[in-house]
Amino acid sequence: MVFWLAKHWLGLFNVLMGLYVGGTFLAPVLMWLDYNSAGEILYRIYMPFCHQYPFRSWFLFGPQATYPAQQILQAQDMARLYHQVIGSPTIGYKVALCQRDVAIYGSMVLGGVAFALLRKRFKMPSLPLWAYFVFGVTPMLIDGGWQWLGYAVRWIFAPEWWTPHETTAFWRTLTGALFGLGLVALGYPSMHEYFEETRELVGKRYGWQ
């Protein structure tokens, strides 16, 4: 098992990540095909991993891909939307992860496939940790953090003149993709080196190829 994992870890990671992302799009497809029970099960499976707010999610099979919030939402409004709004034949059905999470995991799939194609041609060093924090983590912290802080100020102190910042689908997607690609660039080269050493060590010991 160790030898097999050392040889196939990247393919395994890519397949599992692809299935994880694919399941988020399968949920609205099932709802659109009128397999409501199966679709709702998928939404529940992904619910612990994402807020699934409809105003921060992509929609399929409707007139619009996004439905941004048109007014300032209170915490109870967000909780209601989290549990109740999946979609309808009129507006379409939301993807089971928010826009930022789709970008994070989707970019990891694309980055993993690219790494699989390039790793035997080029020796790719790991992205420095400082670069990952600057270009991968910081943009998402600024975009999502300012949004979170804006709502916290409004909910806790309730100043009427304070309008919380609500970021856009573009910025959620961009910052999520930078985070996901940075994670691949940071971790996959080191993992490749580790598993290659493991494969060679076990292979020499037992005469396996």
Protein backbone atom coordinates (compact mmCIF):
# COMPACT_ATOMS: atom_id res chain seq x y z
CA MET A 1 0.00 0.00 0.00
CA VAL A 2 2.83 2.37 0.81
CA PHE A 3 4.54 1.58 -2.49
CA TRP A 4 1.28 1.98 -4.42
CA LEU A 5 0.52 5.30 -2.71
CA ALA A 6 4.04 6.55 -3.42
CA LYS A 7 3.50 5.85 -7.14
CA HIS A 8 -0.08 7.06 -7.45
CA TRP A 9 -0.58 9.72 -4.77
CA LEU A 10 -1.04 12.56 -7.25
CA GLY A 11 -3.59 10.72 -9.35
CA LEU A 12 -5.46 9.77 -6.19
CA PHE A 13 -5.45 13.36 -4.95
CA ASN A 14 -6.64 14.69 -8.30
CA VAL A 15 -9.44 12.14 -8.59
CA LEU A 16 -10.70 12.75 -5.05
CA MET A 17 -10.54 16.51 -5.47
CA GLY A 18 -12.27 16.26 -8.83
CA LEU A 19 -15.07 14.17 -7.32
CA TYR A 20 -15.42 16.65 -4.48
CA VAL A 21 -15.77 19.60 -6.86
CA GLY A 22 -17.92 17.62 -9.30
CA GLY A 23 -20.38 16.75 -6.56
CA THR A 24 -21.08 20.43 -5.95
CA PHE A 25 -22.26 20.78 -9.57
CA LEU A 26 -24.07 17.45 -9.54
CA ALA A 27 -26.42 18.75 -6.83
CA PRO A 28 -28.07 21.43 -9.03
CA VAL A 29 -28.08 19.03 -11.99
CA LEU A 30 -30.06 16.51 -9.95
CA MET A 31 -32.49 19.20 -8.83
CA TRP A 32 -32.95 20.34 -12.44
CA LEU A 33 -33.62 16.73 -13.50
CA ASP A 34 -36.24 16.53 -10.72
CA TYR A 35 -34.27 14.08 -8.58
CA ASN A 36 -34.93 16.32 -5.61
CA SER A 37 -34.22 13.86 -2.83
CA ALA A 38 -30.79 12.96 -4.22
CA GLY A 39 -29.97 16.62 -4.83
CA GLU A 40 -30.97 17.65 -1.32
CA ILE A 41 -28.80 14.89 0.13
CA LEU A 42 -25.79 16.32 -1.69
CA TYR A 43 -26.53 19.82 -0.40
CA ARG A 44 -26.66 18.42 3.14
CA ILE A 45 -23.37 16.56 2.64
CA TYR A 46 -21.59 19.78 1.64
CA MET A 47 -23.38 21.95 4.19
CA PRO A 48 -20.81 21.47 7.02
CA PHE A 49 -18.02 22.62 4.71
CA CYS A 50 -19.54 25.85 3.37
CA HIS A 51 -22.16 28.45 4.27
CA GLN A 52 -23.87 27.95 0.86
CA TYR A 53 -25.37 31.45 0.92
CA PRO A 54 -27.26 31.83 -2.37
CA PHE A 55 -26.12 35.44 -2.85
CA ARG A 56 -22.51 34.20 -2.80
CA SER A 57 -23.02 31.09 -4.94
CA TRP A 58 -23.18 30.25 -8.63
CA PHE A 59 -26.54 29.21 -10.09
CA LEU A 60 -27.16 26.77 -12.92
CA PHE A 61 -30.18 26.40 -15.23
CA GLY A 62 -31.59 29.86 -14.51
CA PRO A 63 -31.60 33.28 -16.18
CA GLN A 64 -28.66 34.48 -14.05
CA ALA A 65 -25.43 32.90 -12.89
CA THR A 66 -25.43 34.97 -9.70
CA TYR A 67 -27.97 36.72 -7.48
CA PRO A 68 -26.10 39.30 -5.38
CA ALA A 69 -27.71 40.58 -2.19
CA GLN A 70 -29.92 43.59 -2.90
CA GLN A 71 -30.10 44.82 0.69
CA ILE A 72 -28.22 44.66 3.96
CA LEU A 73 -28.86 41.25 5.51
CA GLN A 74 -29.16 40.54 9.21
CA ALA A 75 -27.67 37.43 10.80
CA GLN A 76 -31.08 35.75 11.03
CA ASP A 77 -31.67 36.42 7.33
CA MET A 78 -28.41 34.71 6.45
CA ALA A 79 -29.29 31.73 8.64
CA ARG A 80 -32.66 31.42 6.90
CA LEU A 81 -31.08 31.58 3.45
CA TYR A 82 -28.45 29.04 4.48
CA HIS A 83 -31.07 26.43 5.35
CA GLN A 84 -33.91 27.19 2.97
CA VAL A 85 -32.81 28.56 -0.40
CA ILE A 86 -31.57 25.93 -2.84
CA GLY A 87 -33.25 27.32 -5.91
CA SER A 88 -36.23 26.71 -8.15
CA PRO A 89 -37.05 26.09 -11.82
CA THR A 90 -37.53 29.86 -12.15
CA ILE A 91 -34.18 31.10 -10.85
CA GLY A 92 -32.09 27.94 -11.26
CA TYR A 93 -30.31 25.95 -8.57
CA LYS A 94 -27.26 26.96 -6.62
CA VAL A 95 -23.97 25.05 -6.67
CA ALA A 96 -23.41 23.27 -3.36
CA LEU A 97 -20.31 25.34 -2.50
CA CYS A 98 -19.95 29.11 -2.58
CA GLN A 99 -18.08 30.91 -5.34
CA ARG A 100 -14.86 31.23 -3.36
CA ASP A 101 -14.79 27.56 -2.36
CA VAL A 102 -15.51 26.46 -5.93
CA ALA A 103 -12.53 28.57 -7.03
CA ILE A 104 -10.28 27.15 -4.31
CA TYR A 105 -10.97 23.49 -4.99
CA GLY A 106 -11.42 23.91 -8.72
CA SER A 107 -8.04 25.61 -9.05
CA MET A 108 -6.48 22.81 -7.00
CA VAL A 109 -7.85 20.31 -9.50
CA LEU A 110 -6.46 22.30 -12.43
CA GLY A 111 -3.16 22.89 -10.64
CA GLY A 112 -2.89 19.20 -9.75
CA VAL A 113 -3.47 18.15 -13.36
CA ALA A 114 -0.92 20.70 -14.59
CA PHE A 115 1.59 19.46 -12.02
CA ALA A 116 1.01 15.87 -13.13
CA LEU A 117 1.75 16.83 -16.75
CA LEU A 118 4.84 18.91 -15.96
CA ARG A 119 6.55 17.19 -13.04
CA LYS A 120 8.48 14.69 -15.23
CA ARG A 121 9.66 17.39 -17.62
CA PHE A 122 10.68 20.03 -15.13
CA LYS A 123 11.95 20.02 -11.58
CA MET A 124 9.57 22.42 -9.90
CA PRO A 125 10.61 23.81 -6.53
CA SER A 126 8.04 24.55 -3.87
CA LEU A 127 6.65 28.05 -3.73
CA PRO A 128 8.31 29.89 -0.82
CA LEU A 129 6.07 30.15 2.20
CA TRP A 130 6.31 33.94 2.24
CA ALA A 131 5.16 34.10 -1.39
CA TYR A 132 2.18 31.90 -0.61
CA PHE A 133 1.11 34.18 2.22
CA VAL A 134 1.63 37.32 0.13
CA PHE A 135 -0.02 36.17 -3.09
CA GLY A 136 -2.28 33.33 -1.92
CA VAL A 137 -3.48 34.03 1.61
CA THR A 138 -3.37 37.82 1.93
CA PRO A 139 -5.71 38.69 -0.98
CA MET A 140 -8.36 36.35 0.39
CA LEU A 141 -7.91 37.66 3.92
CA ILE A 142 -8.36 41.22 2.70
CA ASP A 143 -11.36 40.47 0.51
CA GLY A 144 -13.18 38.09 2.84
CA GLY A 145 -11.93 39.64 6.06
CA TRP A 146 -13.13 43.14 5.24
CA GLN A 147 -16.50 41.71 4.25
CA TRP A 148 -16.77 39.78 7.53
CA LEU A 149 -15.68 42.80 9.57
CA GLY A 150 -18.20 45.03 7.82
CA TYR A 151 -21.09 42.77 8.74
CA ALA A 152 -19.80 42.31 12.29
CA VAL A 153 -19.77 46.09 12.83
CA ARG A 154 -23.30 46.41 11.47
CA TRP A 155 -24.70 43.54 13.54
CA ILE A 156 -22.97 44.38 16.83
CA PHE A 157 -23.06 48.19 16.88
CA ALA A 158 -25.95 48.70 14.41
CA PRO A 159 -24.92 52.10 13.03
CA GLU A 160 -27.47 53.09 10.38
CA TRP A 161 -24.85 54.92 8.33
CA TRP A 162 -22.56 51.85 8.10
CA THR A 163 -22.93 49.79 4.93
CA PRO A 164 -21.13 46.42 5.09
CA HIS A 165 -18.83 45.60 2.23
CA GLU A 166 -20.18 42.80 0.03
CA THR A 167 -17.52 41.54 -2.34
CA THR A 168 -18.26 40.37 -5.89
CA ALA A 169 -18.20 37.02 -7.68
CA PHE A 170 -15.11 38.16 -9.58
CA TRP A 171 -13.08 38.90 -6.45
CA ARG A 172 -14.27 35.78 -4.65
CA THR A 173 -13.23 33.69 -7.63
CA LEU A 174 -9.89 35.43 -8.13
CA THR A 175 -8.82 35.31 -4.48
CA GLY A 176 -10.03 31.72 -4.13
CA ALA A 177 -8.11 30.64 -7.22
CA LEU A 178 -4.92 32.33 -5.99
CA PHE A 179 -5.29 30.55 -2.66
CA GLY A 180 -5.87 27.13 -4.27
CA LEU A 181 -3.11 27.41 -6.86
CA GLY A 182 -0.73 28.69 -4.22
CA LEU A 183 -1.50 25.69 -2.04
CA VAL A 184 -0.63 23.35 -4.92
CA ALA A 185 2.56 25.27 -5.70
CA LEU A 186 3.54 25.22 -2.03
CA GLY A 187 2.79 21.62 -1.16
CA TYR A 188 2.83 19.39 -4.23
CA PRO A 189 6.53 19.71 -5.15
CA SER A 190 7.56 18.73 -1.61
CA MET A 191 5.09 15.86 -1.59
CA HIS A 192 6.37 14.70 -4.96
CA GLU A 193 9.94 14.65 -3.65
CA TYR A 194 8.90 12.77 -0.50
CA PHE A 195 6.90 10.12 -2.34
CA GLU A 196 9.62 9.65 -4.98
CA GLU A 197 12.17 8.96 -2.23
CA THR A 198 9.72 6.55 -0.58
CA ARG A 199 9.05 4.74 -3.85
CA GLU A 200 12.77 4.33 -4.58
CA LEU A 201 13.53 3.12 -1.06
CA VAL A 202 10.73 0.55 -0.94
CA GLY A 203 11.31 -0.47 -4.56
CA LYS A 204 15.02 -1.19 -3.97
CA ARG A 205 14.33 -3.11 -0.78
CA TYR A 206 11.78 -5.48 -2.36
CA GLY A 207 12.84 -5.33 -6.01
CA TRP A 208 9.62 -3.67 -7.12
CA GLN A 209 9.29 -1.37 -10.12
